[in-house]
Amino acid sequence: MSNQPIHEIKLGHVKATIWENQTKAGVRHGIKLSRIYKAEEGWATTDSFNRDDLPLVAKVADMAHSWVYAQKPECAKQPEKARSKRSQEVEVSM
């Protein structure tokens, strides 16, 4: 994992931090979702979310997914038949 995130997405108090990891299999991306809040000492973060945060969590997670997916243009251009069975199952279940 690098020392700095490669990308951040923030909506309101919900943030996705995207990290790039170099592996033997190639580049992988890790995503950390967090909520920013005001503490007595200043601004802090947590990975706990309230009920009202969940729509933003879903939107930020979707945006992070889209950003990561766009980093591999060859994946986005694959025809439907070339996708794995697992990715097709996920699309159907959503």
Protein backbone atom coordinates (compact mmCIF):
# COMPACT_ATOMS: atom_id res chain seq x y z
CA MET A 1 0.00 0.00 0.00
CA SER A 2 1.31 3.44 -0.85
CA ASN A 3 1.69 6.15 1.76
CA GLN A 4 -0.85 8.44 0.10
CA PRO A 5 -4.30 7.66 -1.26
CA ILE A 6 -4.59 7.76 -5.02
CA HIS A 7 -8.09 9.30 -4.93
CA GLU A 8 -10.73 10.55 -2.49
CA ILE A 9 -14.46 11.01 -2.94
CA LYS A 10 -16.45 13.04 -0.41
CA LEU A 11 -20.15 13.78 -0.14
CA GLY A 12 -21.24 15.62 2.98
CA HIS A 13 -19.53 13.94 5.92
CA VAL A 14 -18.97 10.59 4.16
CA LYS A 15 -15.67 9.91 2.43
CA ALA A 16 -14.15 7.09 0.39
CA THR A 17 -10.37 6.96 0.39
CA ILE A 18 -8.94 4.88 -2.45
CA TRP A 19 -5.51 3.27 -2.15
CA GLU A 20 -3.51 1.65 -4.93
CA ASN A 21 -1.74 -1.61 -4.08
CA GLN A 22 0.81 -3.24 -6.34
CA THR A 23 0.54 -7.06 -6.17
CA LYS A 24 1.99 -9.97 -8.12
CA ALA A 25 -1.33 -10.13 -9.95
CA GLY A 26 -1.16 -6.42 -10.85
CA VAL A 27 -2.66 -3.27 -9.42
CA ARG A 28 -5.46 -3.64 -6.88
CA HIS A 29 -7.43 -0.90 -5.20
CA GLY A 30 -8.49 -0.78 -1.56
CA ILE A 31 -11.31 1.49 -0.44
CA LYS A 32 -11.86 2.82 3.09
CA LEU A 33 -15.21 4.39 3.87
CA SER A 34 -15.32 6.84 6.76
CA ARG A 35 -17.48 9.52 8.34
CA ILE A 36 -16.01 12.87 9.30
CA TYR A 37 -17.30 14.54 12.46
CA LYS A 38 -16.44 17.46 14.71
CA ALA A 39 -14.88 16.38 18.03
CA GLU A 40 -13.80 18.54 20.93
CA GLU A 41 -10.21 18.46 19.66
CA GLY A 42 -11.15 19.26 16.07
CA TRP A 43 -12.16 17.08 13.13
CA ALA A 44 -12.03 13.28 13.49
CA THR A 45 -13.06 10.22 11.47
CA THR A 46 -14.84 6.98 12.24
CA ASP A 47 -15.86 3.91 10.28
CA SER A 48 -19.23 3.85 12.08
CA PHE A 49 -22.28 5.27 10.32
CA ASN A 50 -25.69 6.41 11.48
CA ARG A 51 -28.97 5.51 9.83
CA ASP A 52 -29.14 8.85 8.03
CA ASP A 53 -25.60 8.41 6.67
CA LEU A 54 -26.46 5.24 4.77
CA PRO A 55 -27.79 6.86 1.56
CA LEU A 56 -24.54 8.84 1.30
CA VAL A 57 -22.49 5.73 2.10
CA ALA A 58 -24.22 3.91 -0.76
CA LYS A 59 -23.64 6.80 -3.17
CA VAL A 60 -19.98 7.27 -2.19
CA ALA A 61 -19.37 3.51 -2.45
CA ASP A 62 -20.96 3.51 -5.92
CA MET A 63 -18.82 6.46 -7.00
CA ALA A 64 -15.67 4.75 -5.66
CA HIS A 65 -16.58 1.59 -7.56
CA SER A 66 -17.06 3.57 -10.76
CA TRP A 67 -13.75 5.37 -10.31
CA VAL A 68 -11.81 2.15 -9.68
CA TYR A 69 -13.53 0.41 -12.58
CA ALA A 70 -12.63 3.29 -14.89
CA GLN A 71 -8.93 2.85 -14.08
CA LYS A 72 -8.91 -0.34 -16.17
CA PRO A 73 -10.45 0.71 -19.47
CA GLU A 74 -9.98 -2.77 -20.93
CA CYS A 75 -12.39 -4.13 -18.28
CA ALA A 76 -15.05 -1.58 -19.14
CA LYS A 77 -14.82 -2.48 -22.85
CA GLN A 78 -15.21 -6.25 -22.40
CA PRO A 79 -18.24 -7.67 -24.17
CA GLU A 80 -20.91 -9.30 -22.02
CA LYS A 81 -19.75 -12.82 -22.96
CA ALA A 82 -16.19 -12.13 -21.78
CA ARG A 83 -17.24 -11.21 -18.23
CA SER A 84 -16.88 -13.79 -15.52
CA LYS A 85 -19.90 -15.77 -14.38
CA ARG A 86 -19.53 -14.26 -10.90
CA SER A 87 -19.76 -10.66 -12.19
CA GLN A 88 -22.90 -11.60 -14.14
CA GLU A 89 -24.44 -13.09 -10.99
CA VAL A 90 -23.71 -9.91 -9.06
CA GLU A 91 -25.32 -7.78 -11.77
CA VAL A 92 -28.45 -9.92 -11.74
CA SER A 93 -28.75 -9.90 -7.95
CA MET A 94 -28.52 -6.12 -7.69
